[in-house]
């Protein structure tokens, strides 16, 4: 209270002194002319030049580290805010007035002849900036070539494309909602309306449940927090959150458990014992920014993470001796503790390479024959300057007919993106996957007219708030 009173009194005294100083300066003609000159120079910049040049930082989820620093004036911000408000108002009006597209409801009438086990790996921050950034493009492509070589040897086929995500830099839950519902959820307001009343809304999990799949969500970073209750929004049969993983090893990253442990834990506890086809949605965590937590070594047995004892440092050193470095071309905080000295792009690539290695090893060792895998990014990474919102999409299977079908849809062969690789939309992937599954087993693959409706750009958000 004393500090508050003293501070308040000091502020009043300073204000009085400043007002008096301005009043005394105003008696001099030179001071008045200087003030007029400043105004004459400043206001044209504020009112005319700045809006015309569109000065300001791009409206990304997080700030980028672009070296081209741009300044945004009050007028520019006010004008951008007014335009955004008008767009938001028009979108809100459309939610209540736009007709509901019934295409997804028609999927309920399908009966799949073949039901391969399906994996949807949403790799945190896996963006196409990897293929554009001058420091990342070369080593990233080497990682892809190594990964593809191992998978091909194990009998896997692959095709790739780009996906246009509704967000970049963060807000993964909006990207995931777009993937699973087939609606472009690019605003938190739309997501809030959906989660307020999700019953009856058609989405991918509901479709697979009707086809007899066992649906499992593996989200290691999800846990109860004040004001943020955990909710099974999409009605998965099984949910595996942070506190369900029985992890007792040293912490690695935001979820404590590294992705190698989480994926294998889900397989051995929920997938392997089941004789029915399953769908696993895995939202990875190890590649989450800021990429300075330190990566776990790749262990020959995932259960070794829970066997080490001692301090956190001692546990990590023991695990390092039992495993291998996660990426052979970049050091990490276990092999070289000074990870903060590495440039941020290299730290980012290192974590993406780790997750690609985890999934490569899992697929070659444990995935059932004929499985279908969709490996994609949820959004472009924060903190790296990007010009687009696209992320890679890789579709893999040991069933060559599945991959051949997507190649006929324009996807390029292999894991490496090329200039010929198409750009799909994240919200269109629901329709794409359903048609892929429906085209197998009954000879309809060559006749697109008998397949369920295609919605490559998703449907109106009115579906989520009807």
Protein backbone atom coordinates (compact mmCIF):
# COMPACT_ATOMS: atom_id res chain seq x y z
CA UNK A 1 0.00 0.00 0.00
CA UNK A 2 2.86 2.37 0.78
CA UNK A 3 4.43 1.70 -2.60
CA UNK A 4 1.08 2.28 -4.33
CA UNK A 5 0.56 5.58 -2.53
CA UNK A 6 4.11 6.76 -3.21
CA UNK A 7 3.83 5.72 -6.87
CA UNK A 8 0.47 7.45 -7.28
CA UNK A 9 1.78 10.63 -5.67
CA UNK A 10 4.86 10.55 -7.89
CA UNK A 11 2.71 10.18 -11.00
CA UNK A 12 0.59 13.19 -10.04
CA UNK A 13 3.73 15.27 -9.37
CA UNK A 14 5.31 14.24 -12.70
CA UNK A 15 2.10 15.06 -14.59
CA UNK A 16 1.96 18.51 -12.97
CA UNK A 17 5.59 19.22 -13.84
CA UNK A 18 5.16 18.04 -17.45
CA UNK A 19 2.05 20.17 -18.00
CA UNK A 20 3.89 23.19 -16.60
CA UNK A 21 6.90 22.56 -18.83
CA UNK A 22 4.73 22.30 -21.94
CA UNK A 23 2.91 25.49 -20.99
CA UNK A 24 6.18 27.40 -20.58
CA UNK A 25 7.55 26.02 -23.88
CA UNK A 26 4.35 27.05 -25.66
CA UNK A 27 5.13 30.72 -25.02
CA UNK A 28 8.05 30.52 -27.47
CA UNK A 29 7.29 30.82 -31.17
CA UNK A 30 10.07 28.41 -32.14
CA UNK A 31 8.51 25.66 -30.00
CA UNK A 32 5.09 26.24 -31.50
CA UNK A 33 6.49 26.07 -35.02
CA UNK A 34 8.35 22.83 -34.20
CA UNK A 35 5.14 21.22 -32.95
CA UNK A 36 3.25 22.34 -36.08
CA UNK A 37 6.04 20.93 -38.29
CA UNK A 38 5.93 17.56 -36.51
CA UNK A 39 2.16 17.35 -36.99
CA UNK A 40 2.37 18.34 -40.64
CA UNK A 41 4.89 15.55 -41.22
CA UNK A 42 3.29 12.87 -39.06
CA UNK A 43 -0.40 12.99 -39.98
CA UNK A 44 0.05 12.47 -43.74
CA UNK A 45 2.13 9.41 -42.88
CA UNK A 46 -0.51 8.12 -40.46
CA UNK A 47 -3.57 8.82 -42.59
CA UNK A 48 -2.32 8.29 -46.18
CA UNK A 49 1.11 6.70 -46.64
CA UNK A 50 0.87 3.94 -44.04
CA UNK A 51 -2.48 2.51 -45.25
CA UNK A 52 -1.32 2.75 -48.86
CA UNK A 53 1.89 0.82 -48.09
CA UNK A 54 0.07 -1.63 -45.80
CA UNK A 55 2.71 -1.26 -43.13
CA UNK A 56 2.44 -3.74 -40.34
CA UNK A 57 3.15 -7.30 -39.28
CA UNK A 58 1.24 -10.10 -41.06
CA UNK A 59 -1.69 -11.40 -39.00
CA UNK A 60 -0.21 -14.76 -38.02
CA UNK A 61 -0.96 -16.76 -34.92
CA UNK A 62 2.51 -15.97 -33.60
CA UNK A 63 5.04 -13.37 -34.64
CA UNK A 64 7.56 -14.50 -37.24
CA UNK A 65 11.27 -13.87 -37.12
CA UNK A 66 11.33 -12.08 -40.44
CA UNK A 67 14.22 -9.65 -40.71
CA UNK A 68 11.96 -7.23 -42.58
CA UNK A 69 10.53 -5.36 -39.62
CA UNK A 70 7.34 -3.53 -40.54
CA UNK A 71 5.48 -0.91 -38.56
CA UNK A 72 1.73 -0.72 -38.20
CA UNK A 73 0.14 2.63 -37.46
CA UNK A 74 -3.09 3.12 -35.52
CA UNK A 75 -4.92 3.98 -38.73
CA UNK A 76 -3.72 0.81 -40.46
CA UNK A 77 -4.73 -1.32 -37.50
CA UNK A 78 -8.12 0.35 -37.22
CA UNK A 79 -8.80 -0.14 -40.93
CA UNK A 80 -7.74 -3.81 -40.79
CA UNK A 81 -9.87 -4.32 -37.69
CA UNK A 82 -12.93 -2.80 -39.35
CA UNK A 83 -12.53 -5.01 -42.42
CA UNK A 84 -12.06 -8.11 -40.24
CA UNK A 85 -15.16 -7.20 -38.26
CA UNK A 86 -17.24 -6.91 -41.43
CA UNK A 87 -16.00 -10.30 -42.65
CA UNK A 88 -16.76 -11.86 -39.28
CA UNK A 89 -20.25 -10.34 -39.28
CA UNK A 90 -20.95 -11.74 -42.75
CA UNK A 91 -19.66 -15.17 -41.69
CA UNK A 92 -21.87 -15.18 -38.58
CA UNK A 93 -24.89 -14.30 -40.68
CA UNK A 94 -24.09 -17.16 -43.07
CA UNK A 95 -23.97 -19.67 -40.21
CA UNK A 96 -27.65 -19.21 -39.60
CA UNK A 97 -28.79 -18.72 -43.19
CA UNK A 98 -26.58 -20.91 -45.41
CA UNK A 99 -28.13 -24.25 -46.40
CA UNK A 100 -26.63 -27.38 -44.84
CA UNK A 101 -24.80 -29.59 -47.34
CA UNK A 102 -26.07 -33.16 -46.87
CA UNK A 103 -23.13 -34.91 -48.57
CA UNK A 104 -21.63 -36.18 -45.33
CA UNK A 105 -24.97 -37.55 -44.15
CA UNK A 106 -25.01 -39.68 -47.31
CA UNK A 107 -21.83 -41.39 -46.11
CA UNK A 108 -23.87 -43.09 -43.38
CA UNK A 109 -25.47 -45.32 -46.02
CA UNK A 110 -22.12 -46.77 -47.12
CA UNK A 111 -20.91 -50.25 -46.26
CA UNK A 112 -17.20 -50.76 -46.86
CA UNK A 113 -16.14 -54.04 -48.50
CA UNK A 114 -12.60 -53.69 -47.14
CA UNK A 115 -11.66 -52.20 -43.79
CA UNK A 116 -7.91 -51.74 -43.46
CA UNK A 117 -6.55 -50.44 -40.18
CA UNK A 118 -6.01 -46.70 -40.53
CA UNK A 119 -3.47 -44.37 -38.95
CA UNK A 120 -3.82 -40.59 -38.97
CA UNK A 121 -0.54 -39.13 -37.78
CA UNK A 122 -0.86 -35.36 -37.28
CA UNK A 123 2.75 -34.25 -36.83
CA UNK A 124 2.92 -31.05 -34.81
CA UNK A 125 4.30 -28.08 -36.83
CA UNK A 126 5.26 -30.23 -39.85
CA UNK A 127 5.11 -27.60 -42.58
CA UNK A 128 6.24 -27.22 -46.17
CA UNK A 129 8.67 -24.54 -45.00
CA UNK A 130 11.01 -27.52 -44.67
CA UNK A 131 11.07 -27.81 -48.45
CA UNK A 132 11.50 -24.06 -49.03
CA UNK A 133 13.88 -22.83 -46.34
CA UNK A 134 17.45 -22.60 -47.72
CA UNK A 135 18.96 -24.13 -44.56
CA UNK A 136 16.41 -26.94 -44.31
CA UNK A 137 15.61 -28.12 -47.83
CA UNK A 138 18.75 -30.24 -48.37
CA UNK A 139 18.88 -32.10 -45.04
CA UNK A 140 15.09 -32.48 -44.97
CA UNK A 141 15.11 -34.20 -48.35
CA UNK A 142 17.91 -36.48 -47.17
CA UNK A 143 15.73 -37.47 -44.22
CA UNK A 144 12.83 -38.22 -46.59
CA UNK A 145 15.02 -40.30 -48.90
CA UNK A 146 16.33 -42.37 -45.98
CA UNK A 147 12.83 -42.82 -44.61
CA UNK A 148 11.42 -43.82 -48.00
CA UNK A 149 14.24 -46.31 -48.57
CA UNK A 150 13.54 -48.10 -45.28
CA UNK A 151 9.79 -48.17 -45.92
CA UNK A 152 10.18 -49.44 -49.49
CA UNK A 153 12.39 -52.26 -48.29
CA UNK A 154 9.62 -53.24 -45.86
CA UNK A 155 7.04 -53.27 -48.67
CA UNK A 156 5.45 -49.84 -48.22
CA UNK A 157 4.23 -47.65 -51.08
CA UNK A 158 3.83 -43.86 -50.80
CA UNK A 159 2.33 -40.84 -52.53
CA UNK A 160 2.43 -37.20 -51.46
CA UNK A 161 0.71 -33.83 -51.84
CA UNK A 162 0.40 -30.50 -50.10
CA UNK A 163 -2.48 -29.61 -47.80
CA UNK A 164 -3.73 -26.07 -47.32
CA UNK A 165 -4.30 -25.69 -43.56
CA UNK A 166 -6.78 -23.17 -42.10
CA UNK A 167 -4.23 -21.90 -39.53
CA UNK A 168 -0.49 -21.54 -39.21
CA UNK A 169 1.86 -21.22 -36.29
CA UNK A 170 -0.56 -22.66 -33.73
CA UNK A 171 -4.15 -23.49 -32.76
CA UNK A 172 -3.82 -27.14 -33.70
CA UNK A 173 -7.34 -27.89 -32.50
CA UNK A 174 -8.77 -25.85 -35.39
CA UNK A 175 -6.70 -27.78 -37.92
CA UNK A 176 -7.77 -31.09 -36.37
CA UNK A 177 -11.42 -30.00 -36.41
CA UNK A 178 -11.09 -29.20 -40.12
CA UNK A 179 -9.60 -32.63 -40.81
CA UNK A 180 -12.20 -34.61 -38.91
CA UNK A 181 -15.36 -32.65 -39.75
CA UNK A 182 -14.67 -31.74 -43.38
CA UNK A 183 -15.42 -28.07 -42.61
CA UNK A 184 -12.86 -25.26 -42.75
CA UNK A 185 -12.66 -24.27 -39.09
CA UNK A 186 -10.40 -21.23 -39.23
CA UNK A 187 -11.97 -19.24 -36.39
CA UNK A 188 -12.19 -20.04 -32.71
CA UNK A 189 -15.76 -18.77 -32.71
CA UNK A 190 -16.86 -21.48 -35.16
CA UNK A 191 -15.07 -24.13 -33.10
CA UNK A 192 -16.78 -22.90 -29.93
CA UNK A 193 -20.18 -23.14 -31.59
CA UNK A 194 -19.40 -26.69 -32.73
CA UNK A 195 -18.15 -27.95 -29.39
CA UNK A 196 -21.15 -26.40 -27.68
CA UNK A 197 -23.42 -28.87 -29.48
CA UNK A 198 -21.48 -31.60 -31.39
CA UNK A 199 -24.25 -34.22 -31.26
CA UNK A 200 -25.55 -35.20 -34.67
CA UNK A 201 -22.75 -33.52 -36.62
CA UNK A 202 -21.32 -35.99 -39.17
CA UNK A 203 -17.55 -36.44 -39.03
CA UNK A 204 -14.85 -38.98 -39.80
CA UNK A 205 -14.89 -40.70 -36.38
CA UNK A 206 -18.64 -41.21 -36.52
CA UNK A 207 -18.34 -42.63 -40.05
CA UNK A 208 -15.62 -45.11 -39.02
CA UNK A 209 -17.54 -46.10 -35.92
CA UNK A 210 -20.52 -47.03 -38.10
CA UNK A 211 -18.19 -49.17 -40.24
CA UNK A 212 -17.13 -51.23 -37.22
CA UNK A 213 -13.76 -49.59 -36.53
CA UNK A 214 -12.30 -49.31 -33.05
CA UNK A 215 -11.36 -45.63 -32.85
CA UNK A 216 -8.48 -44.54 -30.60
CA UNK A 217 -7.24 -41.00 -29.93
CA UNK A 218 -3.66 -40.65 -28.70
CA UNK A 219 -3.10 -37.07 -27.50
CA UNK A 220 -0.21 -37.07 -25.00
CA UNK A 221 -0.36 -33.32 -24.29
CA UNK A 222 -4.02 -33.33 -23.25
CA UNK A 223 -4.65 -33.12 -19.52
CA UNK A 224 -7.03 -31.48 -17.07
CA UNK A 225 -6.31 -27.81 -16.32
CA UNK A 226 -8.29 -25.17 -14.46
CA UNK A 227 -10.95 -23.89 -16.83
CA UNK A 228 -9.98 -26.40 -19.53
CA UNK A 229 -11.71 -29.70 -18.86
CA UNK A 230 -10.79 -32.69 -20.99
CA UNK A 231 -13.57 -33.65 -23.38
CA UNK A 232 -13.91 -36.45 -25.92
CA UNK A 233 -15.42 -34.11 -28.49
CA UNK A 234 -15.42 -36.57 -31.40
CA UNK A 235 -16.60 -39.57 -29.35
CA UNK A 236 -13.58 -41.85 -29.83
CA UNK A 237 -14.00 -45.34 -28.39
CA UNK A 238 -10.72 -44.95 -26.48
CA UNK A 239 -8.81 -41.82 -25.48
CA UNK A 240 -5.20 -41.83 -24.30
CA UNK A 241 -4.19 -38.55 -22.70
CA UNK A 242 -1.07 -37.61 -20.74
CA UNK A 243 -2.19 -39.18 -17.47
CA UNK A 244 -3.21 -42.44 -19.19
CA UNK A 245 0.25 -43.32 -20.51
CA UNK A 246 1.80 -44.65 -17.25
CA UNK A 247 5.03 -42.84 -18.04
CA UNK A 248 7.62 -42.80 -15.24
CA UNK A 249 10.74 -41.85 -17.18
CA UNK A 250 12.51 -38.48 -17.41
CA UNK A 251 10.61 -35.63 -19.05
CA UNK A 252 11.17 -34.92 -22.73
CA UNK A 253 9.22 -31.95 -24.08
CA UNK A 254 5.73 -30.73 -23.26
CA UNK A 255 4.14 -34.13 -22.69
CA UNK A 256 7.04 -35.61 -20.66
CA UNK A 257 6.68 -38.89 -22.58
CA UNK A 258 8.52 -38.93 -25.94
CA UNK A 259 6.52 -39.87 -29.00
CA UNK A 260 8.30 -43.22 -29.36
CA UNK A 261 6.99 -44.27 -25.96
CA UNK A 262 3.46 -42.92 -26.51
CA UNK A 263 2.95 -44.58 -29.90
CA UNK A 264 4.20 -47.96 -28.76
CA UNK A 265 2.23 -47.78 -25.51
CA UNK A 266 -0.97 -47.18 -27.51
CA UNK A 267 -0.18 -50.08 -29.82
CA UNK A 268 0.52 -52.64 -27.08
CA UNK A 269 -2.34 -51.62 -24.80
CA UNK A 270 -5.12 -50.74 -27.26
CA UNK A 271 -4.37 -51.87 -30.81
CA UNK A 272 -2.49 -55.18 -30.77
CA UNK A 273 -4.96 -57.01 -28.44
CA UNK A 274 -7.89 -56.11 -30.70
CA UNK A 275 -8.82 -58.34 -33.60
CA UNK A 276 -11.04 -55.72 -35.23
CA UNK A 277 -9.89 -53.02 -37.65
CA UNK A 278 -8.88 -49.86 -35.85
CA UNK A 279 -8.36 -46.18 -36.49
CA UNK A 280 -5.57 -44.48 -34.54
CA UNK A 281 -5.41 -40.69 -34.45
CA UNK A 282 -2.03 -39.64 -33.04
CA UNK A 283 -1.35 -35.96 -32.38
CA UNK A 284 2.42 -35.89 -31.87
CA UNK A 285 4.11 -33.69 -29.28
CA UNK A 286 7.88 -34.10 -29.61
CA UNK A 287 8.02 -31.67 -32.56
CA UNK A 288 6.19 -28.90 -30.69
CA UNK A 289 7.92 -25.50 -30.54
CA UNK A 290 10.19 -24.13 -29.17
CA UNK A 291 12.27 -27.20 -30.04
CA UNK A 292 14.69 -26.72 -27.15
CA UNK A 293 13.48 -29.31 -24.66
CA UNK A 294 15.90 -31.97 -25.81
CA UNK A 295 15.04 -35.12 -27.72
CA UNK A 296 14.98 -38.60 -26.27
CA UNK A 297 17.28 -41.20 -27.81
CA UNK A 298 15.74 -43.87 -30.00
CA UNK A 299 15.60 -46.98 -27.82
CA UNK A 300 15.53 -50.59 -29.06
CA UNK A 301 12.68 -51.23 -26.57
CA UNK A 302 10.25 -48.42 -25.73
CA UNK A 303 9.64 -49.87 -22.25
CA UNK A 304 13.21 -49.00 -21.22
CA UNK A 305 12.06 -45.42 -20.63
CA UNK A 306 10.36 -46.54 -17.41
CA UNK A 307 13.28 -48.59 -16.07
CA UNK A 308 15.92 -45.93 -15.33
CA UNK A 309 16.42 -44.44 -11.87
CA UNK A 310 18.21 -41.47 -10.33
CA UNK A 311 18.03 -37.75 -11.04
CA UNK A 312 16.62 -36.49 -14.32
CA UNK A 313 20.13 -35.95 -15.67
CA UNK A 314 21.25 -39.43 -14.63
CA UNK A 315 18.15 -40.99 -16.18
CA UNK A 316 18.78 -39.26 -19.49
CA UNK A 317 22.41 -40.31 -19.51
CA UNK A 318 21.43 -43.94 -18.90
CA UNK A 319 18.91 -43.83 -21.74
CA UNK A 320 21.48 -42.27 -24.04
CA UNK A 321 23.80 -45.23 -23.47
CA UNK A 322 21.02 -47.71 -24.25
CA UNK A 323 19.79 -46.03 -27.43
CA UNK A 324 20.95 -44.08 -30.44
CA UNK A 325 20.90 -40.40 -31.29
CA UNK A 326 17.50 -39.47 -32.75
CA UNK A 327 18.96 -37.77 -35.81
CA UNK A 328 22.38 -38.70 -37.23
CA UNK A 329 23.07 -35.33 -38.85
CA UNK A 330 22.23 -32.93 -36.00
CA UNK A 331 23.24 -32.92 -32.34
CA UNK A 332 20.61 -32.64 -29.63
CA UNK A 333 20.62 -31.60 -25.98
CA UNK A 334 21.47 -35.13 -24.84
CA UNK A 335 24.57 -35.59 -26.97
CA UNK A 336 25.47 -31.89 -26.97
CA UNK A 337 23.83 -30.05 -24.04
CA UNK A 338 24.22 -26.60 -25.58
CA UNK A 339 21.21 -26.96 -27.84
CA UNK A 340 20.39 -23.26 -27.39
CA UNK A 341 23.52 -22.42 -29.39
CA UNK A 342 22.06 -24.10 -32.46
CA UNK A 343 20.09 -21.98 -34.96
CA UNK A 344 16.36 -22.36 -34.52
CA UNK A 345 15.74 -23.84 -38.01
CA UNK A 346 18.17 -26.67 -37.24
CA UNK A 347 16.46 -27.40 -33.93
CA UNK A 348 13.12 -27.49 -35.72
CA UNK A 349 14.36 -29.89 -38.41
CA UNK A 350 15.90 -32.12 -35.76
CA UNK A 351 12.56 -32.59 -33.99
CA UNK A 352 10.63 -33.24 -37.22
CA UNK A 353 13.26 -35.81 -38.26
CA UNK A 354 12.85 -37.52 -34.88
CA UNK A 355 9.08 -37.92 -35.34
CA UNK A 356 9.48 -39.19 -38.89
CA UNK A 357 11.94 -41.77 -37.58
CA UNK A 358 9.58 -42.83 -34.80
CA UNK A 359 6.74 -43.46 -37.22
CA UNK A 360 9.00 -45.14 -39.79
CA UNK A 361 10.24 -47.66 -37.22
CA UNK A 362 6.76 -48.27 -35.87
CA UNK A 363 5.23 -48.90 -39.30
CA UNK A 364 7.95 -51.31 -40.40
CA UNK A 365 7.80 -53.27 -37.13
CA UNK A 366 4.20 -53.25 -35.89
CA UNK A 367 1.60 -51.95 -38.35
CA UNK A 368 -0.72 -54.70 -39.69
CA UNK A 369 -0.40 -55.78 -43.30
CA UNK A 370 -2.52 -53.65 -45.61
CA UNK A 371 -2.74 -50.70 -43.21
CA UNK A 372 -3.49 -47.24 -44.58
CA UNK A 373 -1.44 -44.35 -43.19
CA UNK A 374 -2.07 -40.62 -43.54
CA UNK A 375 0.96 -38.73 -42.26
CA UNK A 376 0.56 -34.97 -42.38
CA UNK A 377 1.30 -31.70 -40.64
CA UNK A 378 -1.31 -29.87 -38.62
CA UNK A 379 0.03 -26.41 -39.54
CA UNK A 380 3.15 -24.52 -40.52
CA UNK A 381 5.54 -23.91 -37.60
CA UNK A 382 5.60 -20.72 -35.56
CA UNK A 383 8.73 -18.56 -35.38
CA UNK A 384 9.81 -19.36 -38.95
CA UNK A 385 8.86 -16.93 -41.69
CA UNK A 386 6.50 -18.69 -44.11
CA UNK A 387 4.64 -17.42 -47.15
CA UNK A 388 1.97 -20.14 -47.31
CA UNK A 389 -0.13 -22.20 -44.93
CA UNK A 390 0.51 -25.55 -46.62
CA UNK A 391 1.71 -28.73 -44.92
CA UNK A 392 2.93 -32.06 -46.37
CA UNK A 393 0.59 -35.02 -46.77
CA UNK A 394 2.01 -38.53 -47.22
CA UNK A 395 -0.28 -41.49 -47.89
CA UNK A 396 1.32 -44.89 -47.31
CA UNK A 397 0.23 -48.50 -47.44
CA UNK A 398 1.57 -51.99 -48.03
CA UNK A 399 -1.50 -52.43 -50.25
CA UNK A 400 -0.36 -51.06 -53.59
CA UNK A 401 -3.94 -50.64 -54.85
CA UNK A 402 -4.69 -48.03 -52.18
CA UNK A 403 -1.68 -45.92 -53.13
CA UNK A 404 -2.26 -46.43 -56.84
CA UNK A 405 -5.76 -44.98 -56.42
CA UNK A 406 -4.45 -41.76 -54.82
CA UNK A 407 -1.79 -41.46 -57.50
CA UNK A 408 -4.55 -41.46 -60.08
CA UNK A 409 -6.03 -38.53 -58.16
CA UNK A 410 -2.86 -36.55 -58.90
CA UNK A 411 -0.63 -37.26 -55.89
CA UNK A 412 3.06 -37.67 -56.74
CA UNK A 413 4.95 -40.88 -56.08
CA UNK A 414 7.14 -41.14 -52.99
CA UNK A 415 7.58 -38.88 -49.97
CA UNK A 416 9.37 -35.94 -51.60
CA UNK A 417 7.19 -33.08 -52.79
CA UNK A 418 7.74 -31.74 -56.29
CA UNK A 419 6.42 -28.81 -58.32
CA UNK A 420 3.87 -31.25 -59.76
CA UNK A 421 2.52 -32.22 -56.33
CA UNK A 422 -1.09 -30.98 -56.02
CA UNK A 423 -2.39 -28.80 -53.21
CA UNK A 424 -5.46 -30.22 -51.48
CA UNK A 425 -7.38 -28.66 -48.62
CA UNK A 426 -7.34 -30.01 -45.09
CA UNK A 427 -11.12 -29.93 -44.86
CA UNK A 428 -11.33 -31.94 -48.10
CA UNK A 429 -9.40 -34.87 -46.66
CA UNK A 430 -12.50 -36.35 -44.96
CA UNK A 431 -14.25 -36.72 -48.32
CA UNK A 432 -11.02 -37.88 -49.97
CA UNK A 433 -10.52 -40.68 -47.42
CA UNK A 434 -14.10 -41.91 -47.52
CA UNK A 435 -14.01 -42.15 -51.31
CA UNK A 436 -10.66 -43.95 -51.17
CA UNK A 437 -12.07 -46.57 -48.79
CA UNK A 438 -15.28 -46.93 -50.79
CA UNK A 439 -13.36 -47.45 -54.04
CA UNK A 440 -11.64 -50.61 -52.79
CA UNK A 441 -12.90 -54.15 -53.11
CA UNK A 442 -15.97 -53.85 -55.33
CA UNK A 443 -14.57 -52.71 -58.65
CA UNK A 444 -15.82 -49.13 -58.32
CA UNK A 445 -12.36 -47.56 -58.28
CA UNK A 446 -12.49 -47.01 -62.02
CA UNK A 447 -15.98 -45.50 -61.94
CA UNK A 448 -16.08 -42.29 -59.89
CA UNK A 449 -19.78 -41.80 -60.61
CA UNK A 450 -20.78 -44.55 -58.16
CA UNK A 451 -18.58 -43.27 -55.34
CA UNK A 452 -20.01 -41.15 -52.50
CA UNK A 453 -20.16 -37.36 -53.02
CA UNK A 454 -16.83 -35.57 -53.28
CA UNK A 455 -16.26 -32.33 -51.37
CA UNK A 456 -12.64 -31.32 -52.07
CA UNK A 457 -13.20 -27.92 -50.43
CA UNK A 458 -15.31 -29.22 -47.56
CA UNK A 459 -18.77 -27.89 -46.82
CA UNK A 460 -20.22 -24.75 -45.23
CA UNK A 461 -19.61 -24.14 -41.49
CA UNK A 462 -23.39 -24.06 -41.14
CA UNK A 463 -23.11 -27.87 -40.82
CA UNK A 464 -21.46 -27.44 -37.40
CA UNK A 465 -24.05 -25.08 -35.91
CA UNK A 466 -27.27 -26.35 -37.43
